[in-house]
Amino acid sequence: MGNPIIDGIINAFILLFTGDPQIWQTILLSLRVSGLAVVFASMIGIPIGVVIGVKNFFGKSIIVSLINTLMGLPPVVVGLVVFLLISRAGPLGSLFLVYTPTAIMIGQIVIATPIISGITLAAVSSIDVSVIETAKTLGATRSQTWALIIREARVGILSGVAIGFGQSISEVGASMILGGNIEGFTRIMTTDIVLQTSQGNYGQALALGIMLITIAFIINSLVLTRLQFSSKKLAGKKIMSLGTLSTR
């Protein structure tokens, strides 16, 4: 009798490299749902993080504390709350969203938005104030100042987006509640891993796990790591870039 772990790894690579249609359908659905969720979460979270990080206003500390709290929301609780809103008895029941990929995407948006917003806020808050003041002194317009802030905080902002994507594509509780793990319709990688493991299909479960790790590696190595190295090379050019603003 073979080792189930070794057999599972072998079967995982067989499934990945032979183009098993069921497993690749699950992978592509996960990428599409989580990708769209992070796009929408970024459109909401990045502006919120930038504005709160730059502006000083009454109650800012409370809002920052709220964002930090929401960053740690348990996905299963998010799934429950969203389910109650979109179920037939809920206020959004007429939209018939429950047990659809859209429902999973909504849950992932709720999970990723505070993460992206909070990390963006921290990145913007860490910018040297003198950089912004110098830009204003050199005659930068408001839009140029905002563009400078985003550029200076770009590594942190993209880190937030990457972490938000990683959290979205790897969560299972909300997706199970909102999607129902319906084969060929709402079954994504994480929910399929849970199912296949419970049924003893370790090969398929490991194949999906390997793909999750591969996706995380690609995002971190090709996007964040390269950006971090490039930002170090540009660190010495801040004064020149600020001088360019005044000539525009």
C-alpha atoms as a PDB file:
ATOM      1  CA  MET A   1       0.000   0.000   0.000  1.00  0.00           C
ATOM      2  CA  GLY A   2       1.483   3.345  -1.130  1.00  0.00           C
ATOM      3  CA  ASN A   3       2.002   6.458   0.889  1.00  0.00           C
ATOM      4  CA  PRO A   4      -1.147   8.621   0.487  1.00  0.00           C
ATOM      5  CA  ILE A   5       0.873  11.848   0.632  1.00  0.00           C
ATOM      6  CA  ILE A   6       3.326  10.790  -2.094  1.00  0.00           C
ATOM      7  CA  ASP A   7       0.507   9.345  -4.203  1.00  0.00           C
ATOM      8  CA  GLY A   8      -1.439  12.564  -3.731  1.00  0.00           C
ATOM      9  CA  ILE A   9       1.488  14.710  -4.905  1.00  0.00           C
ATOM     10  CA  ILE A  10       2.017  12.529  -7.971  1.00  0.00           C
ATOM     11  CA  ASN A  11      -1.677  12.667  -8.836  1.00  0.00           C
ATOM     12  CA  ALA A  12      -1.661  16.426  -8.293  1.00  0.00           C
ATOM     13  CA  PHE A  13       0.996  16.992 -10.964  1.00  0.00           C
ATOM     14  CA  ILE A  14      -0.757  14.559 -13.303  1.00  0.00           C
ATOM     15  CA  LEU A  15      -4.012  16.485 -12.939  1.00  0.00           C
ATOM     16  CA  LEU A  16      -2.320  19.867 -13.465  1.00  0.00           C
ATOM     17  CA  PHE A  17      -0.217  18.955 -16.477  1.00  0.00           C
ATOM     18  CA  THR A  18      -2.801  16.810 -18.280  1.00  0.00           C
ATOM     19  CA  GLY A  19      -5.267  19.709 -18.310  1.00  0.00           C
ATOM     20  CA  ASP A  20      -8.028  18.071 -16.282  1.00  0.00           C
ATOM     21  CA  PRO A  21     -11.099  20.151 -17.291  1.00  0.00           C
ATOM     22  CA  GLN A  22     -12.804  19.999 -13.902  1.00  0.00           C
ATOM     23  CA  ILE A  23      -9.808  21.223 -11.941  1.00  0.00           C
ATOM     24  CA  TRP A  24      -8.983  23.992 -14.409  1.00  0.00           C
ATOM     25  CA  GLN A  25     -12.603  25.156 -14.433  1.00  0.00           C
ATOM     26  CA  THR A  26     -12.366  25.520 -10.659  1.00  0.00           C
ATOM     27  CA  ILE A  27      -9.043  27.381 -10.896  1.00  0.00           C
ATOM     28  CA  LEU A  28     -10.278  29.814 -13.556  1.00  0.00           C
ATOM     29  CA  LEU A  29     -13.478  30.550 -11.631  1.00  0.00           C
ATOM     30  CA  SER A  30     -11.435  31.300  -8.509  1.00  0.00           C
ATOM     31  CA  LEU A  31      -9.154  33.675 -10.417  1.00  0.00           C
ATOM     32  CA  ARG A  32     -12.078  35.461 -12.048  1.00  0.00           C
ATOM     33  CA  VAL A  33     -14.117  35.890  -8.863  1.00  0.00           C
ATOM     34  CA  SER A  34     -11.190  36.923  -6.658  1.00  0.00           C
ATOM     35  CA  GLY A  35      -9.655  39.106  -9.359  1.00  0.00           C
ATOM     36  CA  LEU A  36     -12.862  41.087  -9.871  1.00  0.00           C
ATOM     37  CA  ALA A  37     -13.412  41.271  -6.110  1.00  0.00           C
ATOM     38  CA  VAL A  38      -9.981  42.838  -5.585  1.00  0.00           C
ATOM     39  CA  VAL A  39     -10.487  45.291  -8.464  1.00  0.00           C
ATOM     40  CA  PHE A  40     -13.682  46.581  -6.849  1.00  0.00           C
ATOM     41  CA  ALA A  41     -12.153  46.474  -3.367  1.00  0.00           C
ATOM     42  CA  SER A  42      -9.192  48.507  -4.615  1.00  0.00           C
ATOM     43  CA  MET A  43     -11.476  51.086  -6.207  1.00  0.00           C
ATOM     44  CA  ILE A  44     -13.113  51.538  -2.802  1.00  0.00           C
ATOM     45  CA  GLY A  45     -10.241  50.925  -0.403  1.00  0.00           C
ATOM     46  CA  ILE A  46      -7.363  52.842  -2.001  1.00  0.00           C
ATOM     47  CA  PRO A  47      -9.140  56.240  -2.154  1.00  0.00           C
ATOM     48  CA  ILE A  48     -10.387  55.787   1.420  1.00  0.00           C
ATOM     49  CA  GLY A  49      -6.904  54.924   2.656  1.00  0.00           C
ATOM     50  CA  VAL A  50      -5.247  57.808   0.811  1.00  0.00           C
ATOM     51  CA  VAL A  51      -7.746  60.432   1.975  1.00  0.00           C
ATOM     52  CA  ILE A  52      -7.738  59.302   5.608  1.00  0.00           C
ATOM     53  CA  GLY A  53      -3.951  59.015   5.594  1.00  0.00           C
ATOM     54  CA  VAL A  54      -3.440  62.554   4.304  1.00  0.00           C
ATOM     55  CA  LYS A  55      -6.271  64.505   5.909  1.00  0.00           C
ATOM     56  CA  ASN A  56      -6.579  65.474   9.561  1.00  0.00           C
ATOM     57  CA  PHE A  57     -10.142  65.721  10.837  1.00  0.00           C
ATOM     58  CA  PHE A  58     -12.223  65.196  13.947  1.00  0.00           C
ATOM     59  CA  GLY A  59     -12.829  61.513  14.669  1.00  0.00           C
ATOM     60  CA  LYS A  60      -9.931  60.287  12.489  1.00  0.00           C
ATOM     61  CA  SER A  61      -8.585  58.032  15.235  1.00  0.00           C
ATOM     62  CA  ILE A  62     -11.975  56.361  15.589  1.00  0.00           C
ATOM     63  CA  ILE A  63     -12.214  55.690  11.847  1.00  0.00           C
ATOM     64  CA  VAL A  64      -8.652  54.335  11.775  1.00  0.00           C
ATOM     65  CA  SER A  65      -9.475  52.033  14.701  1.00  0.00           C
ATOM     66  CA  LEU A  66     -12.601  50.870  12.877  1.00  0.00           C
ATOM     67  CA  ILE A  67     -10.641  50.088   9.716  1.00  0.00           C
ATOM     68  CA  ASN A  68      -8.020  48.194  11.734  1.00  0.00           C
ATOM     69  CA  THR A  69     -10.799  46.198  13.393  1.00  0.00           C
ATOM     70  CA  LEU A  70     -12.452  45.387  10.063  1.00  0.00           C
ATOM     71  CA  MET A  71      -9.117  44.146   8.698  1.00  0.00           C
ATOM     72  CA  GLY A  72      -9.431  41.196  11.063  1.00  0.00           C
ATOM     73  CA  LEU A  73     -13.028  40.295  10.252  1.00  0.00           C
ATOM     74  CA  PRO A  74     -13.540  36.502  10.315  1.00  0.00           C
ATOM     75  CA  PRO A  75     -14.549  35.473   6.761  1.00  0.00           C
ATOM     76  CA  VAL A  76     -17.241  33.147   8.086  1.00  0.00           C
ATOM     77  CA  VAL A  77     -18.900  36.094   9.868  1.00  0.00           C
ATOM     78  CA  VAL A  78     -18.729  38.141   6.667  1.00  0.00           C
ATOM     79  CA  GLY A  79     -20.348  35.258   4.827  1.00  0.00           C
ATOM     80  CA  LEU A  80     -23.143  35.036   7.387  1.00  0.00           C
ATOM     81  CA  VAL A  81     -23.907  38.774   7.324  1.00  0.00           C
ATOM     82  CA  VAL A  82     -23.864  38.977   3.514  1.00  0.00           C
ATOM     83  CA  PHE A  83     -25.994  35.825   3.308  1.00  0.00           C
ATOM     84  CA  LEU A  84     -28.625  37.376   5.580  1.00  0.00           C
ATOM     85  CA  LEU A  85     -28.683  40.447   3.330  1.00  0.00           C
ATOM     86  CA  ILE A  86     -29.008  38.633   0.000  1.00  0.00           C
ATOM     87  CA  SER A  87     -31.071  35.601   1.019  1.00  0.00           C
ATOM     88  CA  ARG A  88     -34.701  35.497  -0.078  1.00  0.00           C
ATOM     89  CA  ALA A  89     -35.855  36.767   3.302  1.00  0.00           C
ATOM     90  CA  GLY A  90     -33.234  39.544   3.320  1.00  0.00           C
ATOM     91  CA  PRO A  91     -33.514  43.126   2.052  1.00  0.00           C
ATOM     92  CA  LEU A  92     -31.663  42.231  -1.172  1.00  0.00           C
ATOM     93  CA  GLY A  93     -33.398  38.920  -1.708  1.00  0.00           C
ATOM     94  CA  SER A  94     -35.148  40.135  -4.850  1.00  0.00           C
ATOM     95  CA  LEU A  95     -31.776  40.217  -6.644  1.00  0.00           C
ATOM     96  CA  PHE A  96     -31.449  36.398  -6.351  1.00  0.00           C
ATOM     97  CA  LEU A  97     -27.716  36.564  -5.651  1.00  0.00           C
ATOM     98  CA  VAL A  98     -27.389  33.786  -3.101  1.00  0.00           C
ATOM     99  CA  TYR A  99     -25.468  30.693  -4.290  1.00  0.00           C
ATOM    100  CA  THR A 100     -23.954  32.514  -7.257  1.00  0.00           C
ATOM    101  CA  PRO A 101     -20.381  33.571  -8.111  1.00  0.00           C
ATOM    102  CA  THR A 102     -21.530  37.175  -7.621  1.00  0.00           C
ATOM    103  CA  ALA A 103     -22.418  36.405  -4.009  1.00  0.00           C
ATOM    104  CA  ILE A 104     -18.934  34.999  -3.407  1.00  0.00           C
ATOM    105  CA  MET A 105     -17.439  38.097  -5.018  1.00  0.00           C
ATOM    106  CA  ILE A 106     -19.468  40.402  -2.747  1.00  0.00           C
ATOM    107  CA  GLY A 107     -18.216  38.546   0.311  1.00  0.00           C
ATOM    108  CA  GLN A 108     -14.620  38.800  -0.895  1.00  0.00           C
ATOM    109  CA  ILE A 109     -15.031  42.526  -1.571  1.00  0.00           C
ATOM    110  CA  VAL A 110     -16.162  43.022   2.030  1.00  0.00           C
ATOM    111  CA  ILE A 111     -13.148  41.035   3.242  1.00  0.00           C
ATOM    112  CA  ALA A 112     -10.541  42.704   1.009  1.00  0.00           C
ATOM    113  CA  THR A 113     -11.648  46.350   1.170  1.00  0.00           C
ATOM    114  CA  PRO A 114     -10.625  47.092   4.785  1.00  0.00           C
ATOM    115  CA  ILE A 115      -7.321  45.259   4.256  1.00  0.00           C
ATOM    116  CA  ILE A 116      -6.465  47.346   1.192  1.00  0.00           C
ATOM    117  CA  SER A 117      -7.711  50.513   2.864  1.00  0.00           C
ATOM    118  CA  GLY A 118      -5.784  49.911   6.098  1.00  0.00           C
ATOM    119  CA  ILE A 119      -2.468  49.070   4.408  1.00  0.00           C
ATOM    120  CA  THR A 120      -2.862  52.022   2.027  1.00  0.00           C
ATOM    121  CA  LEU A 121      -3.543  54.287   5.000  1.00  0.00           C
ATOM    122  CA  ALA A 122      -0.389  53.072   6.750  1.00  0.00           C
ATOM    123  CA  ALA A 123       1.694  53.525   3.590  1.00  0.00           C
ATOM    124  CA  VAL A 124       0.438  57.067   3.004  1.00  0.00           C
ATOM    125  CA  SER A 125       0.887  58.014   6.665  1.00  0.00           C
ATOM    126  CA  SER A 126       4.544  56.950   6.518  1.00  0.00           C
ATOM    127  CA  ILE A 127       5.381  59.393   3.704  1.00  0.00           C
ATOM    128  CA  ASP A 128       7.771  62.164   4.734  1.00  0.00           C
ATOM    129  CA  VAL A 129       5.671  65.317   5.097  1.00  0.00           C
ATOM    130  CA  SER A 130       8.523  67.388   3.680  1.00  0.00           C
ATOM    131  CA  VAL A 131       8.074  65.666   0.306  1.00  0.00           C
ATOM    132  CA  ILE A 132       4.488  66.908   0.061  1.00  0.00           C
ATOM    133  CA  GLU A 133       5.375  70.370   1.355  1.00  0.00           C
ATOM    134  CA  THR A 134       8.232  70.661  -1.153  1.00  0.00           C
ATOM    135  CA  ALA A 135       5.892  69.747  -3.987  1.00  0.00           C
ATOM    136  CA  LYS A 136       3.442  72.442  -2.934  1.00  0.00           C
ATOM    137  CA  THR A 137       6.259  74.993  -2.614  1.00  0.00           C
ATOM    138  CA  LEU A 138       7.399  74.209  -6.146  1.00  0.00           C
ATOM    139  CA  GLY A 139       3.894  74.977  -7.402  1.00  0.00           C
ATOM    140  CA  ALA A 140       2.391  71.503  -7.732  1.00  0.00           C
ATOM    141  CA  THR A 141      -1.354  71.477  -8.308  1.00  0.00           C
ATOM    142  CA  ARG A 142      -3.704  69.460  -6.126  1.00  0.00           C
ATOM    143  CA  SER A 143      -3.901  66.631  -8.669  1.00  0.00           C
ATOM    144  CA  GLN A 144      -0.103  66.573  -8.986  1.00  0.00           C
ATOM    145  CA  THR A 145       0.233  66.450  -5.204  1.00  0.00           C
ATOM    146  CA  TRP A 146      -2.186  63.538  -4.962  1.00  0.00           C
ATOM    147  CA  ALA A 147      -0.334  61.757  -7.777  1.00  0.00           C
ATOM    148  CA  LEU A 148       2.941  62.274  -5.907  1.00  0.00           C
ATOM    149  CA  ILE A 149       1.444  60.854  -2.706  1.00  0.00           C
ATOM    150  CA  ILE A 150       0.222  57.746  -4.509  1.00  0.00           C
ATOM    151  CA  ARG A 151       3.566  57.308  -6.262  1.00  0.00           C
ATOM    152  CA  GLU A 152       5.500  57.617  -3.009  1.00  0.00           C
ATOM    153  CA  ALA A 153       3.217  55.058  -1.336  1.00  0.00           C
ATOM    154  CA  ARG A 154       2.881  52.760  -4.343  1.00  0.00           C
ATOM    155  CA  VAL A 155       4.795  49.839  -2.822  1.00  0.00           C
ATOM    156  CA  GLY A 156       2.573  49.861   0.261  1.00  0.00           C
ATOM    157  CA  ILE A 157      -0.571  50.309  -1.808  1.00  0.00           C
ATOM    158  CA  LEU A 158       0.256  47.420  -4.122  1.00  0.00           C
ATOM    159  CA  SER A 159       1.213  45.336  -1.107  1.00  0.00           C
ATOM    160  CA  GLY A 160      -2.289  45.957   0.232  1.00  0.00           C
ATOM    161  CA  VAL A 161      -3.813  44.920  -3.082  1.00  0.00           C
ATOM    162  CA  ALA A 162      -1.695  41.756  -3.183  1.00  0.00           C
ATOM    163  CA  ILE A 163      -2.552  40.860   0.415  1.00  0.00           C
ATOM    164  CA  GLY A 164      -6.224  41.569  -0.274  1.00  0.00           C
ATOM    165  CA  PHE A 165      -6.106  39.250  -3.284  1.00  0.00           C
ATOM    166  CA  GLY A 166      -4.328  36.570  -1.286  1.00  0.00           C
ATOM    167  CA  GLN A 167      -6.900  36.802   1.489  1.00  0.00           C
ATOM    168  CA  SER A 168      -9.771  36.683  -1.003  1.00  0.00           C
ATOM    169  CA  ILE A 169      -8.593  33.735  -3.058  1.00  0.00           C
ATOM    170  CA  SER A 170      -7.593  31.702   0.026  1.00  0.00           C
ATOM    171  CA  GLU A 171     -10.659  32.197   2.236  1.00  0.00           C
ATOM    172  CA  VAL A 172     -13.185  29.388   2.471  1.00  0.00           C
ATOM    173  CA  GLY A 173     -15.836  30.207   5.089  1.00  0.00           C
ATOM    174  CA  ALA A 174     -17.629  33.053   3.310  1.00  0.00           C
ATOM    175  CA  SER A 175     -17.386  31.336  -0.073  1.00  0.00           C
ATOM    176  CA  MET A 176     -18.910  28.135   1.289  1.00  0.00           C
ATOM    177  CA  ILE A 177     -21.823  30.006   2.864  1.00  0.00           C
ATOM    178  CA  LEU A 178     -22.516  32.334  -0.063  1.00  0.00           C
ATOM    179  CA  GLY A 179     -21.745  30.002  -2.978  1.00  0.00           C
ATOM    180  CA  GLY A 180     -22.850  26.657  -1.654  1.00  0.00           C
ATOM    181  CA  ASN A 181     -19.925  24.873  -3.372  1.00  0.00           C
ATOM    182  CA  ILE A 182     -22.037  23.925  -6.406  1.00  0.00           C
ATOM    183  CA  GLU A 183     -20.047  21.873  -8.901  1.00  0.00           C
ATOM    184  CA  GLY A 184     -19.422  23.692 -12.159  1.00  0.00           C
ATOM    185  CA  PHE A 185     -21.015  26.910 -10.915  1.00  0.00           C
ATOM    186  CA  THR A 186     -19.755  28.180  -7.545  1.00  0.00           C
ATOM    187  CA  ARG A 187     -17.067  25.664  -6.648  1.00  0.00           C
ATOM    188  CA  ILE A 188     -13.772  27.504  -6.232  1.00  0.00           C
ATOM    189  CA  MET A 189     -10.346  26.238  -5.217  1.00  0.00           C
ATOM    190  CA  THR A 190     -10.651  26.529  -1.446  1.00  0.00           C
ATOM    191  CA  THR A 191     -14.106  24.990  -1.180  1.00  0.00           C
ATOM    192  CA  ASP A 192     -13.056  22.225  -3.560  1.00  0.00           C
ATOM    193  CA  ILE A 193      -9.981  21.494  -1.424  1.00  0.00           C
ATOM    194  CA  VAL A 194     -12.220  21.032   1.617  1.00  0.00           C
ATOM    195  CA  LEU A 195     -14.565  18.754  -0.335  1.00  0.00           C
ATOM    196  CA  GLN A 196     -11.857  16.642  -1.974  1.00  0.00           C
ATOM    197  CA  THR A 197      -9.972  16.217   1.300  1.00  0.00           C
ATOM    198  CA  SER A 198     -13.129  15.058   3.081  1.00  0.00           C
ATOM    199  CA  GLN A 199     -13.687  12.509   0.295  1.00  0.00           C
ATOM    200  CA  GLY A 200     -10.094  11.269   0.348  1.00  0.00           C
ATOM    201  CA  ASN A 201      -9.232  12.645  -3.108  1.00  0.00           C
ATOM    202  CA  TYR A 202      -5.851  13.960  -2.017  1.00  0.00           C
ATOM    203  CA  GLY A 203      -4.503  14.296  -5.538  1.00  0.00           C
ATOM    204  CA  GLN A 204      -7.067  16.873  -6.595  1.00  0.00           C
ATOM    205  CA  ALA A 205      -6.859  18.647  -3.233  1.00  0.00           C
ATOM    206  CA  LEU A 206      -3.063  18.904  -3.496  1.00  0.00           C
ATOM    207  CA  ALA A 207      -3.269  20.033  -7.121  1.00  0.00           C
ATOM    208  CA  LEU A 208      -5.458  22.951  -6.095  1.00  0.00           C
ATOM    209  CA  GLY A 209      -3.211  23.681  -3.112  1.00  0.00           C
ATOM    210  CA  ILE A 210      -0.148  23.752  -5.364  1.00  0.00           C
ATOM    211  CA  MET A 211      -1.930  26.170  -7.687  1.00  0.00           C
ATOM    212  CA  LEU A 212      -2.817  28.464  -4.781  1.00  0.00           C
ATOM    213  CA  ILE A 213       0.812  28.550  -3.664  1.00  0.00           C
ATOM    214  CA  THR A 214       1.971  29.145  -7.246  1.00  0.00           C
ATOM    215  CA  ILE A 215      -0.389  32.090  -7.671  1.00  0.00           C
ATOM    216  CA  ALA A 216       0.848  33.621  -4.410  1.00  0.00           C
ATOM    217  CA  PHE A 217       4.462  33.162  -5.518  1.00  0.00           C
ATOM    218  CA  ILE A 218       3.845  34.790  -8.895  1.00  0.00           C
ATOM    219  CA  ILE A 219       2.148  37.813  -7.338  1.00  0.00           C
ATOM    220  CA  ASN A 220       4.833  38.306  -4.707  1.00  0.00           C
ATOM    221  CA  SER A 221       7.889  37.635  -6.871  1.00  0.00           C
ATOM    222  CA  LEU A 222       6.884  39.240 -10.158  1.00  0.00           C
ATOM    223  CA  VAL A 223       4.958  42.220  -8.791  1.00  0.00           C
ATOM    224  CA  LEU A 224       5.915  43.180  -5.243  1.00  0.00           C
ATOM    225  CA  THR A 225       9.564  42.090  -5.157  1.00  0.00           C
ATOM    226  CA  ARG A 226      10.391  43.766  -8.470  1.00  0.00           C
ATOM    227  CA  LEU A 227       8.551  46.905  -7.409  1.00  0.00           C
ATOM    228  CA  GLN A 228      10.421  47.045  -4.110  1.00  0.00           C
ATOM    229  CA  PHE A 229      13.786  46.824  -5.889  1.00  0.00           C
ATOM    230  CA  SER A 230      12.792  49.429  -8.456  1.00  0.00           C
ATOM    231  CA  SER A 231      11.614  51.789  -5.703  1.00  0.00           C
ATOM    232  CA  LYS A 232      15.064  51.625  -4.106  1.00  0.00           C
ATOM    233  CA  LYS A 233      16.658  52.682  -7.385  1.00  0.00           C
ATOM    234  CA  LEU A 234      14.286  55.634  -7.624  1.00  0.00           C
ATOM    235  CA  ALA A 235      14.759  56.745  -4.037  1.00  0.00           C
ATOM    236  CA  GLY A 236      17.647  59.017  -4.981  1.00  0.00           C
ATOM    237  CA  LYS A 237      15.629  60.797  -7.670  1.00  0.00           C
ATOM    238  CA  LYS A 238      12.986  62.398  -5.429  1.00  0.00           C
ATOM    239  CA  ILE A 239      14.358  65.935  -5.686  1.00  0.00           C
ATOM    240  CA  MET A 240      14.582  65.754  -9.477  1.00  0.00           C
ATOM    241  CA  SER A 241      11.006  64.505  -9.744  1.00  0.00           C
ATOM    242  CA  LEU A 242       9.790  67.265  -7.439  1.00  0.00           C
ATOM    243  CA  GLY A 243      11.560  69.834  -9.590  1.00  0.00           C
ATOM    244  CA  THR A 244       9.820  68.457 -12.659  1.00  0.00           C
ATOM    245  CA  LEU A 245       6.429  69.148 -11.060  1.00  0.00           C
ATOM    246  CA  SER A 246       7.097  72.866 -11.006  1.00  0.00           C
ATOM    247  CA  THR A 247       7.767  72.999 -14.761  1.00  0.00           C
ATOM    248  CA  ARG A 248       4.487  71.315 -15.751  1.00  0.00           C
END
